[in-house]
Amino acid sequence: SVSLTTASGITTFKFTGQDGKRYYIKVKAYDDAGNISANWKTSNVILVDITNPTSGTVLDTANGSILPGVYHNSTSLVFTWSGFNDTGSGIAYYEVATSDDGSNWSSWQNVGLTTSVTTSGYDSETFNDGETAYIKVRAVDYAGNYSPEVVSDGILIDTTPPSIVNMNP
């Protein structure tokens, strides 16, 4: 379906396309006196993309390990992700959010196209000794569609050194 509307000298062209199809709009101007523009003007390609990107995998990295539930002796953690995909308009950027308990989350942070961050948390969701740190990741495509969120397994932070309470000779 196609519709044209004009308001304040600006004509808006609306159409319904099919997901994954590319379209061009070609126009020629006519005025009330019957004059016609000399040339057609063709738009840039218009890609209809209503499909969400697919999710990938998020890894907790502690001391070189990618095992879930691993202890880490720092509040600055490395998180990586891979396997997110978008066959429509392509992935424009990734967003991440952090949590120090798995239920309260920071606001989403745009990290561009990087697939790894080193963080001590965002906003008030900072990582501290005794907490389990999590990250969730989603991809955003050029049409503004979001992938489903993927949450890491979590890393338990332990920055307290052990102590010897009693020693018998």
C-alpha atoms as a PDB file:
ATOM      1  CA  SER A   1       0.000   0.000   0.000  1.00  0.00           C
ATOM      2  CA  VAL A   2       1.193   3.512  -0.841  1.00  0.00           C
ATOM      3  CA  SER A   3       0.055   6.904   0.432  1.00  0.00           C
ATOM      4  CA  LEU A   4       1.165  10.494  -0.149  1.00  0.00           C
ATOM      5  CA  THR A   5       0.438  13.400   2.186  1.00  0.00           C
ATOM      6  CA  THR A   6       1.503  17.026   1.854  1.00  0.00           C
ATOM      7  CA  ALA A   7       1.706  19.484   4.740  1.00  0.00           C
ATOM      8  CA  SER A   8       3.534  22.830   4.794  1.00  0.00           C
ATOM      9  CA  GLY A   9       5.053  22.122   1.376  1.00  0.00           C
ATOM     10  CA  ILE A  10       6.537  18.774   2.449  1.00  0.00           C
ATOM     11  CA  THR A  11       5.288  15.597   0.819  1.00  0.00           C
ATOM     12  CA  THR A  12       5.548  12.386   2.803  1.00  0.00           C
ATOM     13  CA  PHE A  13       5.546   9.052   1.027  1.00  0.00           C
ATOM     14  CA  LYS A  14       4.469   5.971   3.002  1.00  0.00           C
ATOM     15  CA  PHE A  15       4.419   2.400   1.813  1.00  0.00           C
ATOM     16  CA  THR A  16       4.226  -1.110   3.165  1.00  0.00           C
ATOM     17  CA  GLY A  17       7.047  -3.383   2.159  1.00  0.00           C
ATOM     18  CA  GLN A  18       8.146  -6.920   2.904  1.00  0.00           C
ATOM     19  CA  ASP A  19      10.735  -7.825   5.533  1.00  0.00           C
ATOM     20  CA  GLY A  20      14.163  -8.313   3.986  1.00  0.00           C
ATOM     21  CA  LYS A  21      13.301  -6.572   0.686  1.00  0.00           C
ATOM     22  CA  ARG A  22      15.079  -3.526  -0.712  1.00  0.00           C
ATOM     23  CA  TYR A  23      13.143  -0.693  -2.293  1.00  0.00           C
ATOM     24  CA  TYR A  24      13.855   2.546  -4.130  1.00  0.00           C
ATOM     25  CA  ILE A  25      11.494   5.488  -4.450  1.00  0.00           C
ATOM     26  CA  LYS A  26      11.526   7.393  -7.719  1.00  0.00           C
ATOM     27  CA  VAL A  27       9.740  10.778  -7.975  1.00  0.00           C
ATOM     28  CA  LYS A  28       9.075  13.494 -10.514  1.00  0.00           C
ATOM     29  CA  ALA A  29       7.520  16.854  -9.583  1.00  0.00           C
ATOM     30  CA  TYR A  30       4.422  18.380 -11.169  1.00  0.00           C
ATOM     31  CA  ASP A  31       3.056  21.839 -10.386  1.00  0.00           C
ATOM     32  CA  ASP A  32      -0.453  23.273 -10.697  1.00  0.00           C
ATOM     33  CA  ALA A  33       0.438  24.959 -14.015  1.00  0.00           C
ATOM     34  CA  GLY A  34       1.230  21.584 -15.583  1.00  0.00           C
ATOM     35  CA  ASN A  35       5.010  21.962 -15.522  1.00  0.00           C
ATOM     36  CA  ILE A  36       7.000  18.766 -14.972  1.00  0.00           C
ATOM     37  CA  SER A  37      10.505  18.471 -13.553  1.00  0.00           C
ATOM     38  CA  ALA A  38      13.099  17.476 -16.108  1.00  0.00           C
ATOM     39  CA  ASN A  39      14.513  14.481 -14.267  1.00  0.00           C
ATOM     40  CA  TRP A  40      13.397  11.708 -11.968  1.00  0.00           C
ATOM     41  CA  LYS A  41      14.957  11.679  -8.502  1.00  0.00           C
ATOM     42  CA  THR A  42      15.708   8.275  -7.011  1.00  0.00           C
ATOM     43  CA  SER A  43      16.102   7.637  -3.286  1.00  0.00           C
ATOM     44  CA  ASN A  44      18.846   5.698  -1.631  1.00  0.00           C
ATOM     45  CA  VAL A  45      18.011   2.070  -0.985  1.00  0.00           C
ATOM     46  CA  ILE A  46      15.323   1.468   1.635  1.00  0.00           C
ATOM     47  CA  LEU A  47      15.695  -1.870   3.412  1.00  0.00           C
ATOM     48  CA  VAL A  48      12.664  -3.148   5.302  1.00  0.00           C
ATOM     49  CA  ASP A  49      13.926  -4.847   8.459  1.00  0.00           C
ATOM     50  CA  ILE A  50      11.409  -5.889  11.105  1.00  0.00           C
ATOM     51  CA  THR A  51      13.288  -8.989  12.278  1.00  0.00           C
ATOM     52  CA  ASN A  52      15.191  -8.946  15.575  1.00  0.00           C
ATOM     53  CA  PRO A  53      18.860  -9.930  15.644  1.00  0.00           C
ATOM     54  CA  THR A  54      19.582 -13.358  17.103  1.00  0.00           C
ATOM     55  CA  SER A  55      21.318 -13.772  20.449  1.00  0.00           C
ATOM     56  CA  GLY A  56      24.733 -15.244  21.022  1.00  0.00           C
ATOM     57  CA  THR A  57      26.741 -16.318  24.047  1.00  0.00           C
ATOM     58  CA  VAL A  58      28.101 -14.241  26.939  1.00  0.00           C
ATOM     59  CA  LEU A  59      31.151 -15.441  28.875  1.00  0.00           C
ATOM     60  CA  ASP A  60      32.419 -14.547  32.334  1.00  0.00           C
ATOM     61  CA  THR A  61      36.200 -14.470  32.247  1.00  0.00           C
ATOM     62  CA  ALA A  62      38.059 -14.813  35.549  1.00  0.00           C
ATOM     63  CA  ASN A  63      41.800 -15.395  35.734  1.00  0.00           C
ATOM     64  CA  GLY A  64      41.750 -16.743  32.187  1.00  0.00           C
ATOM     65  CA  SER A  65      38.974 -19.227  32.958  1.00  0.00           C
ATOM     66  CA  ILE A  66      35.511 -19.209  31.392  1.00  0.00           C
ATOM     67  CA  LEU A  67      33.952 -21.588  33.913  1.00  0.00           C
ATOM     68  CA  PRO A  68      30.696 -20.481  35.599  1.00  0.00           C
ATOM     69  CA  GLY A  69      30.850 -19.622  39.292  1.00  0.00           C
ATOM     70  CA  VAL A  70      34.606 -19.018  39.302  1.00  0.00           C
ATOM     71  CA  TYR A  71      36.002 -16.768  42.024  1.00  0.00           C
ATOM     72  CA  HIS A  72      37.800 -13.622  41.020  1.00  0.00           C
ATOM     73  CA  ASN A  73      40.104 -11.576  43.243  1.00  0.00           C
ATOM     74  CA  SER A  74      39.318  -8.197  41.680  1.00  0.00           C
ATOM     75  CA  THR A  75      36.234  -6.050  41.241  1.00  0.00           C
ATOM     76  CA  SER A  76      37.299  -5.257  37.658  1.00  0.00           C
ATOM     77  CA  LEU A  77      36.038  -8.062  35.439  1.00  0.00           C
ATOM     78  CA  VAL A  78      36.277  -9.004  31.761  1.00  0.00           C
ATOM     79  CA  PHE A  79      33.119 -10.083  29.942  1.00  0.00           C
ATOM     80  CA  THR A  80      33.064 -11.230  26.303  1.00  0.00           C
ATOM     81  CA  TRP A  81      30.322 -12.242  23.895  1.00  0.00           C
ATOM     82  CA  SER A  82      29.994 -13.732  20.438  1.00  0.00           C
ATOM     83  CA  GLY A  83      27.525 -15.290  18.043  1.00  0.00           C
ATOM     84  CA  PHE A  84      25.004 -12.445  17.813  1.00  0.00           C
ATOM     85  CA  ASN A  85      23.751 -12.097  14.238  1.00  0.00           C
ATOM     86  CA  ASP A  86      21.456  -9.983  12.085  1.00  0.00           C
ATOM     87  CA  THR A  87      20.826 -10.899   8.461  1.00  0.00           C
ATOM     88  CA  GLY A  88      18.671  -7.830   7.771  1.00  0.00           C
ATOM     89  CA  SER A  89      20.220  -4.410   8.219  1.00  0.00           C
ATOM     90  CA  GLY A  90      23.158  -5.676  10.312  1.00  0.00           C
ATOM     91  CA  ILE A  91      24.214  -5.111  13.906  1.00  0.00           C
ATOM     92  CA  ALA A  92      24.674  -1.404  14.626  1.00  0.00           C
ATOM     93  CA  TYR A  93      25.921  -1.748  18.212  1.00  0.00           C
ATOM     94  CA  TYR A  94      25.740  -3.769  21.416  1.00  0.00           C
ATOM     95  CA  GLU A  95      24.255  -2.701  24.734  1.00  0.00           C
ATOM     96  CA  VAL A  96      25.315  -4.077  28.119  1.00  0.00           C
ATOM     97  CA  ALA A  97      23.969  -3.767  31.662  1.00  0.00           C
ATOM     98  CA  THR A  98      25.534  -5.013  34.901  1.00  0.00           C
ATOM     99  CA  SER A  99      24.201  -6.373  38.172  1.00  0.00           C
ATOM    100  CA  ASP A 100      25.783  -7.226  41.511  1.00  0.00           C
ATOM    101  CA  ASP A 101      22.960  -9.589  42.503  1.00  0.00           C
ATOM    102  CA  GLY A 102      21.286 -10.816  39.288  1.00  0.00           C
ATOM    103  CA  SER A 103      18.051  -8.905  39.862  1.00  0.00           C
ATOM    104  CA  ASN A 104      18.847  -5.171  39.994  1.00  0.00           C
ATOM    105  CA  TRP A 105      20.441  -3.936  36.784  1.00  0.00           C
ATOM    106  CA  SER A 106      22.266  -0.818  35.667  1.00  0.00           C
ATOM    107  CA  SER A 107      20.955   1.201  32.757  1.00  0.00           C
ATOM    108  CA  TRP A 108      21.877  -0.046  29.276  1.00  0.00           C
ATOM    109  CA  GLN A 109      25.285   1.127  28.036  1.00  0.00           C
ATOM    110  CA  ASN A 110      26.038   1.429  24.306  1.00  0.00           C
ATOM    111  CA  VAL A 111      29.485  -0.165  23.792  1.00  0.00           C
ATOM    112  CA  GLY A 112      29.584   0.112  20.004  1.00  0.00           C
ATOM    113  CA  LEU A 113      30.652  -2.969  18.085  1.00  0.00           C
ATOM    114  CA  THR A 114      33.146  -4.170  20.689  1.00  0.00           C
ATOM    115  CA  THR A 115      32.583  -7.747  21.901  1.00  0.00           C
ATOM    116  CA  SER A 116      34.429  -7.401  25.207  1.00  0.00           C
ATOM    117  CA  VAL A 117      34.319  -5.028  28.173  1.00  0.00           C
ATOM    118  CA  THR A 118      36.357  -4.684  31.337  1.00  0.00           C
ATOM    119  CA  THR A 119      34.193  -3.153  34.044  1.00  0.00           C
ATOM    120  CA  SER A 120      33.583  -2.822  37.758  1.00  0.00           C
ATOM    121  CA  GLY A 121      29.894  -2.308  36.985  1.00  0.00           C
ATOM    122  CA  TYR A 122      27.821   0.595  35.683  1.00  0.00           C
ATOM    123  CA  ASP A 123      25.733   3.185  37.538  1.00  0.00           C
ATOM    124  CA  SER A 124      25.057   2.113  41.135  1.00  0.00           C
ATOM    125  CA  GLU A 125      25.446  -1.586  40.230  1.00  0.00           C
ATOM    126  CA  THR A 126      29.146  -1.705  41.063  1.00  0.00           C
ATOM    127  CA  PHE A 127      30.946  -4.906  41.985  1.00  0.00           C
ATOM    128  CA  ASN A 128      32.154  -5.438  45.551  1.00  0.00           C
ATOM    129  CA  ASP A 129      33.721  -8.203  47.638  1.00  0.00           C
ATOM    130  CA  GLY A 130      31.292 -11.057  48.318  1.00  0.00           C
ATOM    131  CA  GLU A 131      28.945 -10.224  45.439  1.00  0.00           C
ATOM    132  CA  THR A 132      28.268 -12.183  42.278  1.00  0.00           C
ATOM    133  CA  ALA A 133      28.781  -9.998  39.207  1.00  0.00           C
ATOM    134  CA  TYR A 134      26.639 -10.407  36.098  1.00  0.00           C
ATOM    135  CA  ILE A 135      26.389  -8.778  32.709  1.00  0.00           C
ATOM    136  CA  LYS A 136      23.594  -8.936  30.166  1.00  0.00           C
ATOM    137  CA  VAL A 137      24.082  -8.169  26.491  1.00  0.00           C
ATOM    138  CA  ARG A 138      21.774  -7.422  23.573  1.00  0.00           C
ATOM    139  CA  ALA A 139      22.430  -6.515  19.946  1.00  0.00           C
ATOM    140  CA  VAL A 140      20.671  -3.616  18.226  1.00  0.00           C
ATOM    141  CA  ASP A 141      20.378  -3.569  14.433  1.00  0.00           C
ATOM    142  CA  TYR A 142      20.345  -0.534  12.144  1.00  0.00           C
ATOM    143  CA  ALA A 143      16.536  -0.584  12.061  1.00  0.00           C
ATOM    144  CA  GLY A 144      16.364  -0.354  15.878  1.00  0.00           C
ATOM    145  CA  ASN A 145      15.375  -3.989  16.498  1.00  0.00           C
ATOM    146  CA  TYR A 146      16.741  -5.663  19.667  1.00  0.00           C
ATOM    147  CA  SER A 147      17.968  -9.218  20.095  1.00  0.00           C
ATOM    148  CA  PRO A 148      16.806 -11.165  23.144  1.00  0.00           C
ATOM    149  CA  GLU A 149      19.003 -10.401  26.172  1.00  0.00           C
ATOM    150  CA  VAL A 150      21.644 -12.919  27.226  1.00  0.00           C
ATOM    151  CA  VAL A 151      22.813 -12.989  30.866  1.00  0.00           C
ATOM    152  CA  SER A 152      26.196 -14.299  31.987  1.00  0.00           C
ATOM    153  CA  ASP A 153      26.528 -17.097  34.553  1.00  0.00           C
ATOM    154  CA  GLY A 154      28.085 -14.742  37.106  1.00  0.00           C
ATOM    155  CA  ILE A 155      31.447 -14.444  38.817  1.00  0.00           C
ATOM    156  CA  LEU A 156      31.768 -14.471  42.606  1.00  0.00           C
ATOM    157  CA  ILE A 157      34.098 -11.699  43.741  1.00  0.00           C
ATOM    158  CA  ASP A 158      36.485 -12.547  46.572  1.00  0.00           C
ATOM    159  CA  THR A 159      38.993  -9.783  47.351  1.00  0.00           C
ATOM    160  CA  THR A 160      39.432 -10.686  51.043  1.00  0.00           C
ATOM    161  CA  PRO A 161      42.684 -12.515  51.729  1.00  0.00           C
ATOM    162  CA  PRO A 162      42.496 -15.586  53.950  1.00  0.00           C
ATOM    163  CA  SER A 163      43.687 -15.228  57.502  1.00  0.00           C
ATOM    164  CA  ILE A 164      45.225 -17.641  59.968  1.00  0.00           C
ATOM    165  CA  VAL A 165      43.128 -17.617  63.123  1.00  0.00           C
ATOM    166  CA  ASN A 166      45.133 -20.008  65.228  1.00  0.00           C
ATOM    167  CA  MET A 167      48.418 -21.769  64.837  1.00  0.00           C
ATOM    168  CA  ASN A 168      49.629 -24.483  67.148  1.00  0.00           C
ATOM    169  CA  PRO A 169      53.326 -25.315  67.274  1.00  0.00           C
END
